[in-house]
C-alpha atoms as a PDB file:
ATOM      1  CA  UNK A   1       0.000   0.000   0.000  1.00  0.00           C
ATOM      2  CA  UNK A   2       1.238   3.509  -0.743  1.00  0.00           C
ATOM      3  CA  UNK A   3       2.023   6.042   1.945  1.00  0.00           C
ATOM      4  CA  UNK A   4      -1.098   6.987   3.870  1.00  0.00           C
ATOM      5  CA  UNK A   5      -2.084  10.581   4.389  1.00  0.00           C
ATOM      6  CA  UNK A   6      -3.613  12.590   7.184  1.00  0.00           C
ATOM      7  CA  UNK A   7      -6.795  14.299   5.996  1.00  0.00           C
ATOM      8  CA  UNK A   8      -8.756  16.803   8.045  1.00  0.00           C
ATOM      9  CA  UNK A   9     -12.340  18.003   7.586  1.00  0.00           C
ATOM     10  CA  UNK A  10     -12.940  20.993   9.864  1.00  0.00           C
ATOM     11  CA  UNK A  11     -14.981  24.169  10.184  1.00  0.00           C
ATOM     12  CA  UNK A  12     -18.240  25.583  11.477  1.00  0.00           C
ATOM     13  CA  UNK A  13     -20.355  24.155   8.671  1.00  0.00           C
ATOM     14  CA  UNK A  14     -22.260  20.902   8.697  1.00  0.00           C
ATOM     15  CA  UNK A  15     -21.065  18.015   6.574  1.00  0.00           C
ATOM     16  CA  UNK A  16     -17.653  17.203   8.043  1.00  0.00           C
ATOM     17  CA  UNK A  17     -18.699  13.785   9.302  1.00  0.00           C
ATOM     18  CA  UNK A  18     -20.658  13.124   6.124  1.00  0.00           C
ATOM     19  CA  UNK A  19     -17.617  13.917   3.984  1.00  0.00           C
ATOM     20  CA  UNK A  20     -15.388  11.712   6.138  1.00  0.00           C
ATOM     21  CA  UNK A  21     -17.916   8.860   5.971  1.00  0.00           C
ATOM     22  CA  UNK A  22     -18.091   9.291   2.205  1.00  0.00           C
ATOM     23  CA  UNK A  23     -14.343   8.770   2.087  1.00  0.00           C
ATOM     24  CA  UNK A  24     -14.745   5.724   4.342  1.00  0.00           C
ATOM     25  CA  UNK A  25     -17.326   4.175   2.010  1.00  0.00           C
ATOM     26  CA  UNK A  26     -15.110   4.935  -1.002  1.00  0.00           C
ATOM     27  CA  UNK A  27     -12.128   3.204   0.602  1.00  0.00           C
ATOM     28  CA  UNK A  28     -14.239   0.229   1.721  1.00  0.00           C
ATOM     29  CA  UNK A  29     -15.495  -0.100  -1.861  1.00  0.00           C
ATOM     30  CA  UNK A  30     -11.869  -0.172  -2.993  1.00  0.00           C
ATOM     31  CA  UNK A  31     -11.211  -3.218  -0.825  1.00  0.00           C
ATOM     32  CA  UNK A  32      -9.587  -1.406   2.087  1.00  0.00           C
ATOM     33  CA  UNK A  33     -10.370  -2.247   5.694  1.00  0.00           C
ATOM     34  CA  UNK A  34     -11.877   0.879   7.291  1.00  0.00           C
ATOM     35  CA  UNK A  35     -12.563   1.692  10.945  1.00  0.00           C
ATOM     36  CA  UNK A  36     -14.697   4.690  11.917  1.00  0.00           C
ATOM     37  CA  UNK A  37     -14.610   5.777  15.551  1.00  0.00           C
ATOM     38  CA  UNK A  38     -17.205   8.410  16.394  1.00  0.00           C
ATOM     39  CA  UNK A  39     -16.919  10.731  19.375  1.00  0.00           C
ATOM     40  CA  UNK A  40     -19.375  13.192  20.979  1.00  0.00           C
ATOM     41  CA  UNK A  41     -22.386  11.963  19.036  1.00  0.00           C
ATOM     42  CA  UNK A  42     -23.975   9.662  21.618  1.00  0.00           C
ATOM     43  CA  UNK A  43     -26.315   7.021  20.309  1.00  0.00           C
ATOM     44  CA  UNK A  44     -28.130   9.580  18.135  1.00  0.00           C
ATOM     45  CA  UNK A  45     -25.864   8.589  15.261  1.00  0.00           C
ATOM     46  CA  UNK A  46     -27.793   5.358  14.876  1.00  0.00           C
ATOM     47  CA  UNK A  47     -29.117   6.711  11.579  1.00  0.00           C
ATOM     48  CA  UNK A  48     -25.837   5.441  10.131  1.00  0.00           C
ATOM     49  CA  UNK A  49     -26.357   1.884  11.322  1.00  0.00           C
ATOM     50  CA  UNK A  50     -27.116   0.781   7.760  1.00  0.00           C
ATOM     51  CA  UNK A  51     -23.387   1.154   7.112  1.00  0.00           C
ATOM     52  CA  UNK A  52     -22.891  -1.983   9.209  1.00  0.00           C
ATOM     53  CA  UNK A  53     -23.928  -3.863   6.073  1.00  0.00           C
ATOM     54  CA  UNK A  54     -20.525  -2.932   4.688  1.00  0.00           C
ATOM     55  CA  UNK A  55     -18.793  -5.066   7.317  1.00  0.00           C
ATOM     56  CA  UNK A  56     -16.185  -6.458   7.453  1.00  0.00           C
ATOM     57  CA  UNK A  57     -14.634  -3.801   5.199  1.00  0.00           C
ATOM     58  CA  UNK A  58     -16.145  -0.882   7.155  1.00  0.00           C
ATOM     59  CA  UNK A  59     -16.684  -0.991  10.912  1.00  0.00           C
ATOM     60  CA  UNK A  60     -18.189   1.813  12.996  1.00  0.00           C
ATOM     61  CA  UNK A  61     -17.386   2.121  16.698  1.00  0.00           C
ATOM     62  CA  UNK A  62     -19.127   4.298  19.268  1.00  0.00           C
ATOM     63  CA  UNK A  63     -18.206   4.174  22.933  1.00  0.00           C
ATOM     64  CA  UNK A  64     -20.692   6.613  24.411  1.00  0.00           C
ATOM     65  CA  UNK A  65     -23.659   5.220  26.323  1.00  0.00           C
ATOM     66  CA  UNK A  66     -26.140   8.116  26.392  1.00  0.00           C
ATOM     67  CA  UNK A  67     -28.698   8.879  23.711  1.00  0.00           C
ATOM     68  CA  UNK A  68     -27.865  12.589  23.576  1.00  0.00           C
ATOM     69  CA  UNK A  69     -25.013  14.526  22.099  1.00  0.00           C
ATOM     70  CA  UNK A  70     -22.247  15.250  24.608  1.00  0.00           C
ATOM     71  CA  UNK A  71     -22.963  19.002  24.655  1.00  0.00           C
ATOM     72  CA  UNK A  72     -26.596  18.346  25.659  1.00  0.00           C
ATOM     73  CA  UNK A  73     -25.646  16.415  28.821  1.00  0.00           C
ATOM     74  CA  UNK A  74     -25.623  17.688  32.415  1.00  0.00           C
ATOM     75  CA  UNK A  75     -22.212  18.176  34.035  1.00  0.00           C
ATOM     76  CA  UNK A  76     -22.636  14.923  35.959  1.00  0.00           C
ATOM     77  CA  UNK A  77     -23.571  13.017  32.797  1.00  0.00           C
ATOM     78  CA  UNK A  78     -20.622  14.563  30.938  1.00  0.00           C
ATOM     79  CA  UNK A  79     -18.246  13.300  33.603  1.00  0.00           C
ATOM     80  CA  UNK A  80     -19.630   9.766  33.250  1.00  0.00           C
ATOM     81  CA  UNK A  81     -19.563   9.950  29.460  1.00  0.00           C
ATOM     82  CA  UNK A  82     -16.003  11.310  29.488  1.00  0.00           C
ATOM     83  CA  UNK A  83     -14.860   7.904  30.758  1.00  0.00           C
ATOM     84  CA  UNK A  84     -16.561   6.209  27.779  1.00  0.00           C
ATOM     85  CA  UNK A  85     -15.051   8.721  25.356  1.00  0.00           C
ATOM     86  CA  UNK A  86     -11.581   8.032  26.743  1.00  0.00           C
ATOM     87  CA  UNK A  87     -12.171   4.297  26.227  1.00  0.00           C
ATOM     88  CA  UNK A  88     -12.783   5.155  22.571  1.00  0.00           C
ATOM     89  CA  UNK A  89      -9.572   7.187  22.465  1.00  0.00           C
ATOM     90  CA  UNK A  90      -7.632   4.266  23.935  1.00  0.00           C
ATOM     91  CA  UNK A  91      -9.134   1.962  21.304  1.00  0.00           C
ATOM     92  CA  UNK A  92      -8.078   4.436  18.597  1.00  0.00           C
ATOM     93  CA  UNK A  93      -4.540   4.452  19.998  1.00  0.00           C
ATOM     94  CA  UNK A  94      -4.448   0.665  19.893  1.00  0.00           C
ATOM     95  CA  UNK A  95      -5.647   0.660  16.271  1.00  0.00           C
ATOM     96  CA  UNK A  96      -3.005   3.246  15.366  1.00  0.00           C
ATOM     97  CA  UNK A  97      -0.241   1.421  17.209  1.00  0.00           C
ATOM     98  CA  UNK A  98      -0.818  -1.982  15.637  1.00  0.00           C
ATOM     99  CA  UNK A  99      -2.036  -0.750  12.247  1.00  0.00           C
ATOM    100  CA  UNK A 100      -5.215  -2.778  12.528  1.00  0.00           C
ATOM    101  CA  UNK A 101      -6.860  -1.193   9.461  1.00  0.00           C
ATOM    102  CA  UNK A 102      -5.984   0.557   6.217  1.00  0.00           C
ATOM    103  CA  UNK A 103      -8.106   3.654   6.891  1.00  0.00           C
ATOM    104  CA  UNK A 104      -9.034   5.123  10.271  1.00  0.00           C
ATOM    105  CA  UNK A 105     -11.650   7.858  10.603  1.00  0.00           C
ATOM    106  CA  UNK A 106     -11.638   9.649  13.967  1.00  0.00           C
ATOM    107  CA  UNK A 107     -14.900  11.559  13.755  1.00  0.00           C
ATOM    108  CA  UNK A 108     -14.896  14.604  16.088  1.00  0.00           C
ATOM    109  CA  UNK A 109     -11.460  13.847  17.525  1.00  0.00           C
ATOM    110  CA  UNK A 110     -10.667  17.551  17.168  1.00  0.00           C
ATOM    111  CA  UNK A 111     -13.817  18.308  19.146  1.00  0.00           C
ATOM    112  CA  UNK A 112     -12.337  16.430  22.100  1.00  0.00           C
ATOM    113  CA  UNK A 113      -9.679  19.149  22.267  1.00  0.00           C
ATOM    114  CA  UNK A 114     -12.304  21.902  22.161  1.00  0.00           C
ATOM    115  CA  UNK A 115     -13.957  20.335  25.222  1.00  0.00           C
ATOM    116  CA  UNK A 116     -10.707  19.791  27.108  1.00  0.00           C
ATOM    117  CA  UNK A 117     -11.062  15.996  27.038  1.00  0.00           C
ATOM    118  CA  UNK A 118      -7.813  15.665  25.067  1.00  0.00           C
ATOM    119  CA  UNK A 119      -4.915  18.074  24.833  1.00  0.00           C
ATOM    120  CA  UNK A 120      -3.343  19.169  21.582  1.00  0.00           C
ATOM    121  CA  UNK A 121      -0.209  17.278  22.628  1.00  0.00           C
ATOM    122  CA  UNK A 122      -2.203  14.053  23.090  1.00  0.00           C
ATOM    123  CA  UNK A 123      -3.641  14.376  19.588  1.00  0.00           C
ATOM    124  CA  UNK A 124      -0.159  15.005  18.170  1.00  0.00           C
ATOM    125  CA  UNK A 125       1.066  11.874  19.941  1.00  0.00           C
ATOM    126  CA  UNK A 126      -1.753   9.928  18.284  1.00  0.00           C
ATOM    127  CA  UNK A 127      -0.682  11.255  14.878  1.00  0.00           C
ATOM    128  CA  UNK A 128       2.852  10.035  15.643  1.00  0.00           C
ATOM    129  CA  UNK A 129       1.477   6.514  16.202  1.00  0.00           C
ATOM    130  CA  UNK A 130       0.105   6.254  12.659  1.00  0.00           C
ATOM    131  CA  UNK A 131       2.054   3.862  10.481  1.00  0.00           C
ATOM    132  CA  UNK A 132       3.201   5.099   7.095  1.00  0.00           C
ATOM    133  CA  UNK A 133       0.630   3.212   5.057  1.00  0.00           C
ATOM    134  CA  UNK A 134      -2.497   4.036   7.077  1.00  0.00           C
ATOM    135  CA  UNK A 135      -4.876   6.728   5.854  1.00  0.00           C
ATOM    136  CA  UNK A 136      -6.057   8.838   8.821  1.00  0.00           C
ATOM    137  CA  UNK A 137      -9.091  11.129   8.611  1.00  0.00           C
ATOM    138  CA  UNK A 138      -9.962  13.597  11.393  1.00  0.00           C
ATOM    139  CA  UNK A 139     -12.997  15.845  11.830  1.00  0.00           C
ATOM    140  CA  UNK A 140     -13.908  18.715  14.130  1.00  0.00           C
ATOM    141  CA  UNK A 141     -14.750  22.402  14.287  1.00  0.00           C
ATOM    142  CA  UNK A 142     -11.317  23.873  15.009  1.00  0.00           C
ATOM    143  CA  UNK A 143      -7.866  23.034  13.705  1.00  0.00           C
ATOM    144  CA  UNK A 144      -4.826  24.073  15.764  1.00  0.00           C
ATOM    145  CA  UNK A 145      -1.765  25.158  13.791  1.00  0.00           C
ATOM    146  CA  UNK A 146       0.353  22.259  15.069  1.00  0.00           C
ATOM    147  CA  UNK A 147      -2.098  19.736  13.647  1.00  0.00           C
ATOM    148  CA  UNK A 148      -2.574  21.809  10.481  1.00  0.00           C
ATOM    149  CA  UNK A 149       1.179  21.487   9.886  1.00  0.00           C
ATOM    150  CA  UNK A 150       0.985  17.688  10.144  1.00  0.00           C
ATOM    151  CA  UNK A 151      -2.006  17.265   7.823  1.00  0.00           C
ATOM    152  CA  UNK A 152      -1.461  16.355   4.189  1.00  0.00           C
ATOM    153  CA  UNK A 153      -4.887  17.531   2.983  1.00  0.00           C
ATOM    154  CA  UNK A 154      -7.245  19.952   4.735  1.00  0.00           C
ATOM    155  CA  UNK A 155     -10.858  20.576   3.830  1.00  0.00           C
ATOM    156  CA  UNK A 156     -12.473  23.606   5.483  1.00  0.00           C
ATOM    157  CA  UNK A 157     -16.245  23.226   5.645  1.00  0.00           C
ATOM    158  CA  UNK A 158     -18.139  26.493   6.027  1.00  0.00           C
ATOM    159  CA  UNK A 159     -21.701  27.754   5.745  1.00  0.00           C
ATOM    160  CA  UNK A 160     -22.249  30.024   2.779  1.00  0.00           C
ATOM    161  CA  UNK A 161     -26.030  30.013   2.968  1.00  0.00           C
ATOM    162  CA  UNK A 162     -27.810  29.883   6.343  1.00  0.00           C
ATOM    163  CA  UNK A 163     -30.083  26.940   7.129  1.00  0.00           C
ATOM    164  CA  UNK A 164     -33.717  27.621   6.455  1.00  0.00           C
ATOM    165  CA  UNK A 165     -32.883  30.023   3.621  1.00  0.00           C
ATOM    166  CA  UNK A 166     -34.401  28.252   0.638  1.00  0.00           C
ATOM    167  CA  UNK A 167     -33.356  30.898  -1.830  1.00  0.00           C
ATOM    168  CA  UNK A 168     -36.931  32.030  -2.451  1.00  0.00           C
ATOM    169  CA  UNK A 169     -37.908  35.581  -3.276  1.00  0.00           C
ATOM    170  CA  UNK A 170     -37.790  38.251  -0.580  1.00  0.00           C
ATOM    171  CA  UNK A 171     -40.993  38.872   1.313  1.00  0.00           C
END
């Protein structure tokens, strides 16, 4: 396999996870083994469960136990869920360390930094664990310069037309 890249989908707009999952499906269709680890989405992401039909080429992992998004939880629930999120991070580190797949999508890994669950240094250490052939895809709202420097390809997702604006004529 050729040298794997680090790709980042970031920004305030919606569609980062969708773009990353599109890449995951593309790679799975090309015969690559793909792991997707989702963070901060709770069990609400079950609308993607149909992707389990792509197993064993594409596997989706979620470690959170609550139904709600992380940001919608009480402080007590966040503390409990933080433990589950960190289990997911440890699983991601294991996958990176042993090169268990060809493509690894870490959906909302950058968001873990925004919430103080992971430090920038911890994310950089994870990038260092990636073997040369693995393709690594990260998503999140913000992109620190140190991670920007390490990325091979960066996609900035932004809103150019507000939601609810259907482009109709002015009232």
